[in-house]
């Protein structure tokens, strides 16, 4: 028979007899909490959650069934995490064919545990069609009282999940939901979680405001798009925490270089935008060159003097350019800088820096 519990705890489980499980659980909660302080996006949080669910309750696979918020949506995204969370495949599933177990969990906010073939076939039939399944656990991931995803833990070749495993999984999913809500709140507030500068959404709002001001006053407005050269190597060789330190150091250097009323924003990944009101193309390019030198003086992540190399595209707003067109002009200049050998400033419309 399937085992059904609420979102709080599994009744009758004595966690005091499972110190190892509790230690792993607390470690997972700490890692998810730390990630919330610097998570760049929801996918990184989901990937981390999958890894913790494989390490703590011992899932072999984690399927995240994202519920479509739009009633008119015909498909829903399902992400499948494998190999400790390092592997991920995804597919679109027809909303009309949502598994019965997923629908039940979404509507009741309860957790569902199936440990026999009858319960598995009734709740998640597609899963049983892909091979033998020992047990599956379905948990709601809720934000502001609404279930936004159903997390499915799968064991195929080991013993079925126990009520104690359910309690561990519930705690981790609830922590991930809290972390996701915090990450989204920061995004809505306009602050990038990793660096503390403006995020992409806030940058677009500010740039639209500056374009409106330049349109009314006839003043100058320029914009820089900065891309860190070979930044992926830092993450690949030293991990995302080292990469986050570099990003914060970059923002600190940029904020210190530009004027108080200029605005630094994280455009995404290792790209940054600097908005320069009352700056024509020549002065903006000169400021970009100074910023490039300042970035080169940043100590390496390992304490070395390697510095940070970057490519910078510079463009000046011209009526009737809109926000997208100004950023695209910067991006085209940035692309030329990359093609010309990186580590340089290139102006929009110019053959070379």
C-alpha atoms as a PDB file:
ATOM      1  CA  UNK A   1       0.000   0.000   0.000  1.00  0.00           C
ATOM      2  CA  UNK A   2       1.236   3.541  -0.641  1.00  0.00           C
ATOM      3  CA  UNK A   3       2.304   5.577   2.358  1.00  0.00           C
ATOM      4  CA  UNK A   4       0.806   9.075   2.566  1.00  0.00           C
ATOM      5  CA  UNK A   5       2.056  11.825   4.850  1.00  0.00           C
ATOM      6  CA  UNK A   6       1.651  15.560   5.267  1.00  0.00           C
ATOM      7  CA  UNK A   7       4.346  18.165   4.737  1.00  0.00           C
ATOM      8  CA  UNK A   8       5.398  18.295   8.406  1.00  0.00           C
ATOM      9  CA  UNK A   9       6.904  14.979   9.548  1.00  0.00           C
ATOM     10  CA  UNK A  10       6.383  11.261   9.223  1.00  0.00           C
ATOM     11  CA  UNK A  11       4.499  10.184  12.334  1.00  0.00           C
ATOM     12  CA  UNK A  12       6.279   7.797  14.609  1.00  0.00           C
ATOM     13  CA  UNK A  13       9.801   8.317  13.239  1.00  0.00           C
ATOM     14  CA  UNK A  14      12.415   8.540  15.956  1.00  0.00           C
ATOM     15  CA  UNK A  15      15.156  10.653  14.428  1.00  0.00           C
ATOM     16  CA  UNK A  16      17.262  10.459  17.588  1.00  0.00           C
ATOM     17  CA  UNK A  17      18.213   6.915  16.604  1.00  0.00           C
ATOM     18  CA  UNK A  18      19.634   8.066  13.241  1.00  0.00           C
ATOM     19  CA  UNK A  19      22.556  10.429  13.979  1.00  0.00           C
ATOM     20  CA  UNK A  20      24.277   9.722  10.652  1.00  0.00           C
ATOM     21  CA  UNK A  21      21.132  10.577   8.690  1.00  0.00           C
ATOM     22  CA  UNK A  22      20.639  13.718  10.752  1.00  0.00           C
ATOM     23  CA  UNK A  23      24.234  14.811  10.240  1.00  0.00           C
ATOM     24  CA  UNK A  24      23.841  14.411   6.497  1.00  0.00           C
ATOM     25  CA  UNK A  25      20.516  16.218   6.585  1.00  0.00           C
ATOM     26  CA  UNK A  26      21.945  19.166   8.505  1.00  0.00           C
ATOM     27  CA  UNK A  27      24.873  19.307   6.114  1.00  0.00           C
ATOM     28  CA  UNK A  28      22.484  19.364   3.148  1.00  0.00           C
ATOM     29  CA  UNK A  29      20.388  22.116   4.711  1.00  0.00           C
ATOM     30  CA  UNK A  30      23.506  24.197   5.362  1.00  0.00           C
ATOM     31  CA  UNK A  31      24.638  23.793   1.769  1.00  0.00           C
ATOM     32  CA  UNK A  32      21.239  24.759   0.361  1.00  0.00           C
ATOM     33  CA  UNK A  33      21.114  27.762   2.697  1.00  0.00           C
ATOM     34  CA  UNK A  34      24.586  28.882   1.622  1.00  0.00           C
ATOM     35  CA  UNK A  35      23.646  28.464  -2.014  1.00  0.00           C
ATOM     36  CA  UNK A  36      20.601  30.708  -1.497  1.00  0.00           C
ATOM     37  CA  UNK A  37      22.983  33.506  -0.491  1.00  0.00           C
ATOM     38  CA  UNK A  38      24.661  33.337  -3.891  1.00  0.00           C
ATOM     39  CA  UNK A  39      22.482  31.340  -6.281  1.00  0.00           C
ATOM     40  CA  UNK A  40      22.381  32.793  -9.761  1.00  0.00           C
ATOM     41  CA  UNK A  41      19.222  31.041 -10.879  1.00  0.00           C
ATOM     42  CA  UNK A  42      16.591  28.468  -9.984  1.00  0.00           C
ATOM     43  CA  UNK A  43      18.204  25.687 -12.040  1.00  0.00           C
ATOM     44  CA  UNK A  44      21.338  25.774  -9.934  1.00  0.00           C
ATOM     45  CA  UNK A  45      19.173  25.373  -6.822  1.00  0.00           C
ATOM     46  CA  UNK A  46      17.216  22.466  -8.312  1.00  0.00           C
ATOM     47  CA  UNK A  47      20.445  20.746  -9.321  1.00  0.00           C
ATOM     48  CA  UNK A  48      21.822  21.172  -5.801  1.00  0.00           C
ATOM     49  CA  UNK A  49      18.584  19.853  -4.288  1.00  0.00           C
ATOM     50  CA  UNK A  50      18.763  16.772  -6.510  1.00  0.00           C
ATOM     51  CA  UNK A  51      22.308  16.126  -5.356  1.00  0.00           C
ATOM     52  CA  UNK A  52      21.296  16.366  -1.707  1.00  0.00           C
ATOM     53  CA  UNK A  53      18.310  14.055  -2.226  1.00  0.00           C
ATOM     54  CA  UNK A  54      20.634  11.465  -3.736  1.00  0.00           C
ATOM     55  CA  UNK A  55      23.175  11.837  -0.944  1.00  0.00           C
ATOM     56  CA  UNK A  56      20.833  11.915   2.059  1.00  0.00           C
ATOM     57  CA  UNK A  57      17.648   9.861   1.514  1.00  0.00           C
ATOM     58  CA  UNK A  58      19.519   7.880  -1.134  1.00  0.00           C
ATOM     59  CA  UNK A  59      17.522   8.459  -4.312  1.00  0.00           C
ATOM     60  CA  UNK A  60      18.980   6.987  -7.488  1.00  0.00           C
ATOM     61  CA  UNK A  61      17.121   9.472  -9.695  1.00  0.00           C
ATOM     62  CA  UNK A  62      15.315  12.739  -9.022  1.00  0.00           C
ATOM     63  CA  UNK A  63      12.563  13.916 -11.375  1.00  0.00           C
ATOM     64  CA  UNK A  64      11.268  17.474 -11.011  1.00  0.00           C
ATOM     65  CA  UNK A  65       7.851  17.948 -12.609  1.00  0.00           C
ATOM     66  CA  UNK A  66       7.409  21.715 -13.015  1.00  0.00           C
ATOM     67  CA  UNK A  67       3.719  22.602 -12.930  1.00  0.00           C
ATOM     68  CA  UNK A  68       2.614  25.067 -15.585  1.00  0.00           C
ATOM     69  CA  UNK A  69       1.372  28.270 -13.874  1.00  0.00           C
ATOM     70  CA  UNK A  70      -0.667  29.238 -16.921  1.00  0.00           C
ATOM     71  CA  UNK A  71      -3.992  27.415 -17.146  1.00  0.00           C
ATOM     72  CA  UNK A  72      -3.780  27.572 -20.926  1.00  0.00           C
ATOM     73  CA  UNK A  73      -0.360  25.897 -21.138  1.00  0.00           C
ATOM     74  CA  UNK A  74      -0.428  22.576 -22.959  1.00  0.00           C
ATOM     75  CA  UNK A  75       2.943  21.212 -21.774  1.00  0.00           C
ATOM     76  CA  UNK A  76       4.971  21.029 -18.581  1.00  0.00           C
ATOM     77  CA  UNK A  77       8.726  20.693 -18.168  1.00  0.00           C
ATOM     78  CA  UNK A  78      10.117  17.596 -16.474  1.00  0.00           C
ATOM     79  CA  UNK A  79      13.803  17.594 -15.510  1.00  0.00           C
ATOM     80  CA  UNK A  80      15.526  14.325 -14.608  1.00  0.00           C
ATOM     81  CA  UNK A  81      18.716  14.479 -12.523  1.00  0.00           C
ATOM     82  CA  UNK A  82      21.178  11.585 -12.481  1.00  0.00           C
ATOM     83  CA  UNK A  83      24.703  10.784 -11.265  1.00  0.00           C
ATOM     84  CA  UNK A  84      24.547  12.700  -7.994  1.00  0.00           C
ATOM     85  CA  UNK A  85      22.852  15.662  -9.637  1.00  0.00           C
ATOM     86  CA  UNK A  86      25.668  16.205 -12.142  1.00  0.00           C
ATOM     87  CA  UNK A  87      23.655  14.825 -15.069  1.00  0.00           C
ATOM     88  CA  UNK A  88      20.411  16.318 -16.317  1.00  0.00           C
ATOM     89  CA  UNK A  89      17.979  15.527 -19.102  1.00  0.00           C
ATOM     90  CA  UNK A  90      14.626  17.204 -19.651  1.00  0.00           C
ATOM     91  CA  UNK A  91      11.507  16.789 -21.726  1.00  0.00           C
ATOM     92  CA  UNK A  92       8.096  18.379 -22.181  1.00  0.00           C
ATOM     93  CA  UNK A  93       5.120  16.392 -20.964  1.00  0.00           C
ATOM     94  CA  UNK A  94       1.526  17.059 -22.055  1.00  0.00           C
ATOM     95  CA  UNK A  95      -0.326  18.750 -19.233  1.00  0.00           C
ATOM     96  CA  UNK A  96      -3.440  16.725 -19.989  1.00  0.00           C
ATOM     97  CA  UNK A  97      -1.422  13.551 -19.323  1.00  0.00           C
ATOM     98  CA  UNK A  98       0.033  14.656 -15.995  1.00  0.00           C
ATOM     99  CA  UNK A  99       0.642  11.522 -13.862  1.00  0.00           C
ATOM    100  CA  UNK A 100      -2.129  10.908 -11.311  1.00  0.00           C
ATOM    101  CA  UNK A 101       0.339  10.945  -8.423  1.00  0.00           C
ATOM    102  CA  UNK A 102       1.721  14.312  -9.482  1.00  0.00           C
ATOM    103  CA  UNK A 103      -1.786  15.760  -9.724  1.00  0.00           C
ATOM    104  CA  UNK A 104      -2.702  14.388  -6.307  1.00  0.00           C
ATOM    105  CA  UNK A 105       0.394  15.804  -4.623  1.00  0.00           C
ATOM    106  CA  UNK A 106      -0.126  19.169  -6.336  1.00  0.00           C
ATOM    107  CA  UNK A 107      -3.738  19.427  -5.166  1.00  0.00           C
ATOM    108  CA  UNK A 108      -3.334  18.103  -1.616  1.00  0.00           C
ATOM    109  CA  UNK A 109       0.155  19.434  -0.736  1.00  0.00           C
ATOM    110  CA  UNK A 110       0.860  15.996   0.752  1.00  0.00           C
ATOM    111  CA  UNK A 111       3.740  13.599   0.191  1.00  0.00           C
ATOM    112  CA  UNK A 112       3.114  10.225  -1.460  1.00  0.00           C
ATOM    113  CA  UNK A 113       5.276   7.128  -1.063  1.00  0.00           C
ATOM    114  CA  UNK A 114       4.709   4.092  -3.276  1.00  0.00           C
ATOM    115  CA  UNK A 115       6.572   0.889  -2.438  1.00  0.00           C
ATOM    116  CA  UNK A 116       4.689  -1.708  -4.486  1.00  0.00           C
ATOM    117  CA  UNK A 117       4.019  -2.207  -8.164  1.00  0.00           C
ATOM    118  CA  UNK A 118       0.313  -1.455  -7.853  1.00  0.00           C
ATOM    119  CA  UNK A 119       0.912   1.928  -6.240  1.00  0.00           C
ATOM    120  CA  UNK A 120       3.671   2.795  -8.695  1.00  0.00           C
ATOM    121  CA  UNK A 121       1.630   1.954 -11.771  1.00  0.00           C
ATOM    122  CA  UNK A 122      -1.352   3.888 -10.453  1.00  0.00           C
ATOM    123  CA  UNK A 123       0.563   7.029  -9.485  1.00  0.00           C
ATOM    124  CA  UNK A 124       3.390   7.359 -12.041  1.00  0.00           C
ATOM    125  CA  UNK A 125       2.795   4.839 -14.834  1.00  0.00           C
ATOM    126  CA  UNK A 126       5.398   6.298 -17.204  1.00  0.00           C
ATOM    127  CA  UNK A 127       8.137   5.667 -14.641  1.00  0.00           C
ATOM    128  CA  UNK A 128       7.380   1.951 -14.474  1.00  0.00           C
ATOM    129  CA  UNK A 129       7.502   1.756 -18.257  1.00  0.00           C
ATOM    130  CA  UNK A 130      11.178   2.774 -18.250  1.00  0.00           C
ATOM    131  CA  UNK A 131      12.340  -0.179 -16.136  1.00  0.00           C
ATOM    132  CA  UNK A 132      12.007  -1.817 -12.734  1.00  0.00           C
ATOM    133  CA  UNK A 133      11.241   0.538  -9.844  1.00  0.00           C
ATOM    134  CA  UNK A 134      11.561  -0.471  -6.192  1.00  0.00           C
ATOM    135  CA  UNK A 135       9.838   2.636  -4.832  1.00  0.00           C
ATOM    136  CA  UNK A 136       9.107   6.269  -5.547  1.00  0.00           C
ATOM    137  CA  UNK A 137       8.452   9.255  -3.339  1.00  0.00           C
ATOM    138  CA  UNK A 138       6.510  12.314  -4.565  1.00  0.00           C
ATOM    139  CA  UNK A 139       6.868  15.589  -2.650  1.00  0.00           C
ATOM    140  CA  UNK A 140       5.377  19.056  -3.217  1.00  0.00           C
ATOM    141  CA  UNK A 141       7.698  22.028  -3.560  1.00  0.00           C
ATOM    142  CA  UNK A 142       5.585  25.036  -2.638  1.00  0.00           C
ATOM    143  CA  UNK A 143       6.104  28.793  -2.707  1.00  0.00           C
ATOM    144  CA  UNK A 144       3.622  31.222  -1.144  1.00  0.00           C
ATOM    145  CA  UNK A 145       1.151  28.440  -0.597  1.00  0.00           C
ATOM    146  CA  UNK A 146       1.188  27.247  -4.217  1.00  0.00           C
ATOM    147  CA  UNK A 147       2.830  24.022  -5.386  1.00  0.00           C
ATOM    148  CA  UNK A 148       5.114  24.958  -8.257  1.00  0.00           C
ATOM    149  CA  UNK A 149       6.797  21.586  -8.721  1.00  0.00           C
ATOM    150  CA  UNK A 150       6.462  17.977  -7.660  1.00  0.00           C
ATOM    151  CA  UNK A 151       9.783  16.344  -6.796  1.00  0.00           C
ATOM    152  CA  UNK A 152       9.931  12.603  -7.472  1.00  0.00           C
ATOM    153  CA  UNK A 153      12.632  10.470  -5.821  1.00  0.00           C
ATOM    154  CA  UNK A 154      13.218   7.086  -7.442  1.00  0.00           C
ATOM    155  CA  UNK A 155      14.906   3.918  -6.275  1.00  0.00           C
ATOM    156  CA  UNK A 156      15.229   1.147  -8.832  1.00  0.00           C
ATOM    157  CA  UNK A 157      17.799  -1.333  -7.544  1.00  0.00           C
ATOM    158  CA  UNK A 158      17.990  -0.780  -3.779  1.00  0.00           C
ATOM    159  CA  UNK A 159      15.590  -1.277  -0.883  1.00  0.00           C
ATOM    160  CA  UNK A 160      12.388   0.811  -0.967  1.00  0.00           C
ATOM    161  CA  UNK A 161      12.258   4.165   0.799  1.00  0.00           C
ATOM    162  CA  UNK A 162      11.252   4.112   4.448  1.00  0.00           C
ATOM    163  CA  UNK A 163       9.185   6.656   6.426  1.00  0.00           C
ATOM    164  CA  UNK A 164      12.477   7.926   7.866  1.00  0.00           C
ATOM    165  CA  UNK A 165      13.728   8.596   4.328  1.00  0.00           C
ATOM    166  CA  UNK A 166      10.538  10.531   3.660  1.00  0.00           C
ATOM    167  CA  UNK A 167      11.197  12.800   6.632  1.00  0.00           C
ATOM    168  CA  UNK A 168      14.707  13.568   5.434  1.00  0.00           C
ATOM    169  CA  UNK A 169      13.485  14.326   1.916  1.00  0.00           C
ATOM    170  CA  UNK A 170      10.654  16.571   3.151  1.00  0.00           C
ATOM    171  CA  UNK A 171      13.109  18.663   5.178  1.00  0.00           C
ATOM    172  CA  UNK A 172      15.421  19.123   2.195  1.00  0.00           C
ATOM    173  CA  UNK A 173      12.620  20.020  -0.240  1.00  0.00           C
ATOM    174  CA  UNK A 174      11.158  22.537   2.220  1.00  0.00           C
ATOM    175  CA  UNK A 175      14.590  24.138   2.638  1.00  0.00           C
ATOM    176  CA  UNK A 176      15.032  24.320  -1.132  1.00  0.00           C
ATOM    177  CA  UNK A 177      11.621  25.975  -1.456  1.00  0.00           C
ATOM    178  CA  UNK A 178      12.645  28.599   1.104  1.00  0.00           C
ATOM    179  CA  UNK A 179      15.929  29.201  -0.711  1.00  0.00           C
ATOM    180  CA  UNK A 180      14.190  29.534  -4.081  1.00  0.00           C
ATOM    181  CA  UNK A 181      11.734  32.044  -2.620  1.00  0.00           C
ATOM    182  CA  UNK A 182      14.622  34.108  -1.234  1.00  0.00           C
ATOM    183  CA  UNK A 183      16.452  34.041  -4.569  1.00  0.00           C
ATOM    184  CA  UNK A 184      13.336  35.198  -6.416  1.00  0.00           C
ATOM    185  CA  UNK A 185      12.620  37.934  -3.882  1.00  0.00           C
ATOM    186  CA  UNK A 186      16.078  39.324  -4.451  1.00  0.00           C
ATOM    187  CA  UNK A 187      15.589  39.167  -8.195  1.00  0.00           C
ATOM    188  CA  UNK A 188      12.303  41.037  -7.923  1.00  0.00           C
ATOM    189  CA  UNK A 189      13.993  43.623  -5.716  1.00  0.00           C
ATOM    190  CA  UNK A 190      16.551  44.241  -8.459  1.00  0.00           C
ATOM    191  CA  UNK A 191      19.638  42.926  -6.641  1.00  0.00           C
ATOM    192  CA  UNK A 192      21.968  40.259  -7.964  1.00  0.00           C
ATOM    193  CA  UNK A 193      22.379  37.619  -5.250  1.00  0.00           C
ATOM    194  CA  UNK A 194      26.043  36.881  -5.938  1.00  0.00           C
ATOM    195  CA  UNK A 195      27.558  40.339  -6.332  1.00  0.00           C
ATOM    196  CA  UNK A 196      25.098  42.735  -4.715  1.00  0.00           C
ATOM    197  CA  UNK A 197      24.923  45.013  -7.759  1.00  0.00           C
ATOM    198  CA  UNK A 198      21.848  45.573  -9.931  1.00  0.00           C
ATOM    199  CA  UNK A 199      20.513  42.505 -11.662  1.00  0.00           C
ATOM    200  CA  UNK A 200      19.437  42.175 -15.292  1.00  0.00           C
ATOM    201  CA  UNK A 201      15.851  43.264 -14.680  1.00  0.00           C
ATOM    202  CA  UNK A 202      16.847  46.341 -12.697  1.00  0.00           C
ATOM    203  CA  UNK A 203      19.450  47.231 -15.321  1.00  0.00           C
ATOM    204  CA  UNK A 204      16.836  47.266 -18.053  1.00  0.00           C
ATOM    205  CA  UNK A 205      14.553  49.484 -15.992  1.00  0.00           C
ATOM    206  CA  UNK A 206      17.380  51.906 -15.273  1.00  0.00           C
ATOM    207  CA  UNK A 207      18.548  51.985 -18.891  1.00  0.00           C
ATOM    208  CA  UNK A 208      15.001  52.699 -20.076  1.00  0.00           C
ATOM    209  CA  UNK A 209      14.825  55.576 -17.586  1.00  0.00           C
ATOM    210  CA  UNK A 210      18.150  56.999 -18.780  1.00  0.00           C
ATOM    211  CA  UNK A 211      17.082  56.736 -22.434  1.00  0.00           C
ATOM    212  CA  UNK A 212      13.907  58.624 -21.565  1.00  0.00           C
ATOM    213  CA  UNK A 213      15.936  61.296 -19.771  1.00  0.00           C
ATOM    214  CA  UNK A 214      18.399  61.620 -22.680  1.00  0.00           C
ATOM    215  CA  UNK A 215      15.488  61.849 -25.116  1.00  0.00           C
ATOM    216  CA  UNK A 216      13.928  64.720 -23.171  1.00  0.00           C
ATOM    217  CA  UNK A 217      17.136  66.625 -22.445  1.00  0.00           C
ATOM    218  CA  UNK A 218      19.141  65.871 -25.574  1.00  0.00           C
ATOM    219  CA  UNK A 219      22.035  64.801 -23.357  1.00  0.00           C
ATOM    220  CA  UNK A 220      24.587  62.067 -23.961  1.00  0.00           C
ATOM    221  CA  UNK A 221      24.251  58.467 -22.797  1.00  0.00           C
ATOM    222  CA  UNK A 222      26.650  55.590 -23.280  1.00  0.00           C
ATOM    223  CA  UNK A 223      26.766  51.974 -22.196  1.00  0.00           C
ATOM    224  CA  UNK A 224      29.466  49.343 -21.675  1.00  0.00           C
ATOM    225  CA  UNK A 225      29.097  45.583 -21.967  1.00  0.00           C
ATOM    226  CA  UNK A 226      31.918  43.771 -20.163  1.00  0.00           C
ATOM    227  CA  UNK A 227      32.673  40.066 -20.594  1.00  0.00           C
ATOM    228  CA  UNK A 228      35.318  38.353 -18.469  1.00  0.00           C
ATOM    229  CA  UNK A 229      37.779  36.458 -20.653  1.00  0.00           C
ATOM    230  CA  UNK A 230      38.023  32.690 -20.065  1.00  0.00           C
ATOM    231  CA  UNK A 231      36.049  32.919 -16.831  1.00  0.00           C
ATOM    232  CA  UNK A 232      34.690  29.403 -17.314  1.00  0.00           C
ATOM    233  CA  UNK A 233      38.149  28.045 -16.526  1.00  0.00           C
ATOM    234  CA  UNK A 234      37.898  29.403 -12.979  1.00  0.00           C
ATOM    235  CA  UNK A 235      34.643  27.545 -12.345  1.00  0.00           C
ATOM    236  CA  UNK A 236      35.881  24.371 -14.037  1.00  0.00           C
ATOM    237  CA  UNK A 237      39.205  24.243 -12.222  1.00  0.00           C
ATOM    238  CA  UNK A 238      38.383  25.746  -8.830  1.00  0.00           C
ATOM    239  CA  UNK A 239      34.610  25.532  -8.399  1.00  0.00           C
ATOM    240  CA  UNK A 240      31.736  27.988  -8.407  1.00  0.00           C
ATOM    241  CA  UNK A 241      32.623  29.424  -5.002  1.00  0.00           C
ATOM    242  CA  UNK A 242      35.966  30.624  -6.366  1.00  0.00           C
ATOM    243  CA  UNK A 243      34.144  31.991  -9.405  1.00  0.00           C
ATOM    244  CA  UNK A 244      31.702  33.892  -7.194  1.00  0.00           C
ATOM    245  CA  UNK A 245      34.611  35.509  -5.338  1.00  0.00           C
ATOM    246  CA  UNK A 246      36.023  36.711  -8.659  1.00  0.00           C
ATOM    247  CA  UNK A 247      32.638  38.147  -9.678  1.00  0.00           C
ATOM    248  CA  UNK A 248      32.323  40.053  -6.408  1.00  0.00           C
ATOM    249  CA  UNK A 249      35.857  41.418  -6.774  1.00  0.00           C
ATOM    250  CA  UNK A 250      35.034  42.548 -10.314  1.00  0.00           C
ATOM    251  CA  UNK A 251      31.946  44.439  -9.162  1.00  0.00           C
ATOM    252  CA  UNK A 252      33.877  46.044  -6.318  1.00  0.00           C
ATOM    253  CA  UNK A 253      36.529  47.232  -8.778  1.00  0.00           C
ATOM    254  CA  UNK A 254      33.968  48.550 -11.269  1.00  0.00           C
ATOM    255  CA  UNK A 255      31.955  50.416  -8.646  1.00  0.00           C
ATOM    256  CA  UNK A 256      35.181  51.988  -7.380  1.00  0.00           C
ATOM    257  CA  UNK A 257      36.242  53.056 -10.877  1.00  0.00           C
ATOM    258  CA  UNK A 258      33.099  54.732 -12.207  1.00  0.00           C
ATOM    259  CA  UNK A 259      31.264  57.847 -11.080  1.00  0.00           C
ATOM    260  CA  UNK A 260      28.762  57.770  -8.221  1.00  0.00           C
ATOM    261  CA  UNK A 261      25.819  58.217 -10.594  1.00  0.00           C
ATOM    262  CA  UNK A 262      26.997  55.560 -13.076  1.00  0.00           C
ATOM    263  CA  UNK A 263      25.370  52.168 -12.562  1.00  0.00           C
ATOM    264  CA  UNK A 264      27.009  48.729 -12.602  1.00  0.00           C
ATOM    265  CA  UNK A 265      24.776  45.701 -13.234  1.00  0.00           C
ATOM    266  CA  UNK A 266      25.276  42.002 -13.735  1.00  0.00           C
ATOM    267  CA  UNK A 267      23.946  41.233 -17.195  1.00  0.00           C
ATOM    268  CA  UNK A 268      24.206  37.471 -16.707  1.00  0.00           C
ATOM    269  CA  UNK A 269      26.901  34.882 -16.026  1.00  0.00           C
ATOM    270  CA  UNK A 270      30.228  36.681 -16.303  1.00  0.00           C
ATOM    271  CA  UNK A 271      28.892  39.696 -18.231  1.00  0.00           C
ATOM    272  CA  UNK A 272      28.320  43.142 -16.757  1.00  0.00           C
ATOM    273  CA  UNK A 273      26.710  46.342 -18.000  1.00  0.00           C
ATOM    274  CA  UNK A 274      27.773  49.820 -16.968  1.00  0.00           C
ATOM    275  CA  UNK A 275      25.344  52.682 -17.674  1.00  0.00           C
ATOM    276  CA  UNK A 276      27.079  56.040 -18.183  1.00  0.00           C
ATOM    277  CA  UNK A 277      24.704  59.023 -18.217  1.00  0.00           C
ATOM    278  CA  UNK A 278      26.064  62.295 -19.666  1.00  0.00           C
ATOM    279  CA  UNK A 279      28.918  60.450 -21.364  1.00  0.00           C
ATOM    280  CA  UNK A 280      29.706  60.576 -25.085  1.00  0.00           C
ATOM    281  CA  UNK A 281      31.432  57.720 -26.888  1.00  0.00           C
ATOM    282  CA  UNK A 282      34.994  59.044 -26.475  1.00  0.00           C
ATOM    283  CA  UNK A 283      34.725  59.585 -22.724  1.00  0.00           C
ATOM    284  CA  UNK A 284      32.945  56.247 -22.278  1.00  0.00           C
ATOM    285  CA  UNK A 285      35.712  54.427 -24.164  1.00  0.00           C
ATOM    286  CA  UNK A 286      38.340  56.163 -22.037  1.00  0.00           C
ATOM    287  CA  UNK A 287      36.494  55.126 -18.871  1.00  0.00           C
ATOM    288  CA  UNK A 288      36.299  51.556 -20.192  1.00  0.00           C
ATOM    289  CA  UNK A 289      40.069  51.505 -20.743  1.00  0.00           C
ATOM    290  CA  UNK A 290      40.661  52.652 -17.158  1.00  0.00           C
ATOM    291  CA  UNK A 291      38.269  49.949 -15.921  1.00  0.00           C
ATOM    292  CA  UNK A 292      40.187  47.352 -17.928  1.00  0.00           C
ATOM    293  CA  UNK A 293      43.414  48.361 -16.183  1.00  0.00           C
ATOM    294  CA  UNK A 294      41.728  48.224 -12.796  1.00  0.00           C
ATOM    295  CA  UNK A 295      40.397  44.744 -13.447  1.00  0.00           C
ATOM    296  CA  UNK A 296      43.872  43.639 -14.425  1.00  0.00           C
ATOM    297  CA  UNK A 297      45.097  44.672 -10.973  1.00  0.00           C
ATOM    298  CA  UNK A 298      42.643  42.407  -9.133  1.00  0.00           C
ATOM    299  CA  UNK A 299      44.523  39.644  -7.284  1.00  0.00           C
ATOM    300  CA  UNK A 300      43.964  36.168  -8.657  1.00  0.00           C
ATOM    301  CA  UNK A 301      41.523  33.882  -6.862  1.00  0.00           C
ATOM    302  CA  UNK A 302      44.488  31.976  -5.433  1.00  0.00           C
ATOM    303  CA  UNK A 303      46.274  35.114  -4.220  1.00  0.00           C
ATOM    304  CA  UNK A 304      48.403  35.442  -7.337  1.00  0.00           C
ATOM    305  CA  UNK A 305      48.770  38.670  -9.274  1.00  0.00           C
ATOM    306  CA  UNK A 306      47.261  37.247 -12.444  1.00  0.00           C
ATOM    307  CA  UNK A 307      44.430  39.777 -12.491  1.00  0.00           C
ATOM    308  CA  UNK A 308      41.206  39.590 -14.468  1.00  0.00           C
ATOM    309  CA  UNK A 309      41.150  39.977 -18.238  1.00  0.00           C
ATOM    310  CA  UNK A 310      38.013  41.306 -19.914  1.00  0.00           C
ATOM    311  CA  UNK A 311      36.681  42.410 -23.258  1.00  0.00           C
ATOM    312  CA  UNK A 312      34.521  45.529 -23.376  1.00  0.00           C
ATOM    313  CA  UNK A 313      32.101  46.782 -25.999  1.00  0.00           C
ATOM    314  CA  UNK A 314      31.164  50.480 -25.880  1.00  0.00           C
ATOM    315  CA  UNK A 315      28.198  52.151 -27.564  1.00  0.00           C
ATOM    316  CA  UNK A 316      26.541  55.567 -27.401  1.00  0.00           C
ATOM    317  CA  UNK A 317      22.789  55.961 -27.491  1.00  0.00           C
ATOM    318  CA  UNK A 318      21.425  57.668 -30.590  1.00  0.00           C
ATOM    319  CA  UNK A 319      17.759  58.486 -31.093  1.00  0.00           C
ATOM    320  CA  UNK A 320      15.550  56.567 -31.753  1.00  0.00           C
ATOM    321  CA  UNK A 321      17.448  53.581 -30.274  1.00  0.00           C
ATOM    322  CA  UNK A 322      15.611  51.612 -27.596  1.00  0.00           C
ATOM    323  CA  UNK A 323      17.079  49.571 -24.750  1.00  0.00           C
ATOM    324  CA  UNK A 324      17.542  46.391 -26.789  1.00  0.00           C
ATOM    325  CA  UNK A 325      19.166  48.237 -29.670  1.00  0.00           C
ATOM    326  CA  UNK A 326      21.660  49.993 -27.405  1.00  0.00           C
ATOM    327  CA  UNK A 327      22.645  46.745 -25.709  1.00  0.00           C
ATOM    328  CA  UNK A 328      22.892  45.018 -29.100  1.00  0.00           C
ATOM    329  CA  UNK A 329      25.278  47.741 -30.282  1.00  0.00           C
ATOM    330  CA  UNK A 330      27.443  47.095 -27.219  1.00  0.00           C
ATOM    331  CA  UNK A 331      27.253  43.350 -27.847  1.00  0.00           C
ATOM    332  CA  UNK A 332      28.382  43.730 -31.470  1.00  0.00           C
ATOM    333  CA  UNK A 333      31.372  45.778 -30.323  1.00  0.00           C
ATOM    334  CA  UNK A 334      32.136  43.222 -27.628  1.00  0.00           C
ATOM    335  CA  UNK A 335      32.094  40.415 -30.178  1.00  0.00           C
ATOM    336  CA  UNK A 336      34.700  42.254 -32.270  1.00  0.00           C
ATOM    337  CA  UNK A 337      36.850  42.685 -29.173  1.00  0.00           C
ATOM    338  CA  UNK A 338      36.729  38.929 -28.598  1.00  0.00           C
ATOM    339  CA  UNK A 339      37.592  38.191 -32.213  1.00  0.00           C
ATOM    340  CA  UNK A 340      40.503  40.629 -32.139  1.00  0.00           C
ATOM    341  CA  UNK A 341      42.183  38.815 -29.259  1.00  0.00           C
ATOM    342  CA  UNK A 342      40.281  39.688 -26.052  1.00  0.00           C
ATOM    343  CA  UNK A 343      41.499  41.974 -23.283  1.00  0.00           C
ATOM    344  CA  UNK A 344      40.567  45.178 -25.107  1.00  0.00           C
ATOM    345  CA  UNK A 345      37.964  47.910 -25.572  1.00  0.00           C
ATOM    346  CA  UNK A 346      36.067  48.173 -28.862  1.00  0.00           C
ATOM    347  CA  UNK A 347      33.641  50.912 -29.866  1.00  0.00           C
ATOM    348  CA  UNK A 348      30.404  50.308 -31.692  1.00  0.00           C
ATOM    349  CA  UNK A 349      30.769  51.207 -35.349  1.00  0.00           C
ATOM    350  CA  UNK A 350      34.558  51.301 -35.176  1.00  0.00           C
ATOM    351  CA  UNK A 351      36.849  48.916 -37.000  1.00  0.00           C
ATOM    352  CA  UNK A 352      39.125  48.597 -33.967  1.00  0.00           C
ATOM    353  CA  UNK A 353      39.527  49.939 -30.469  1.00  0.00           C
END
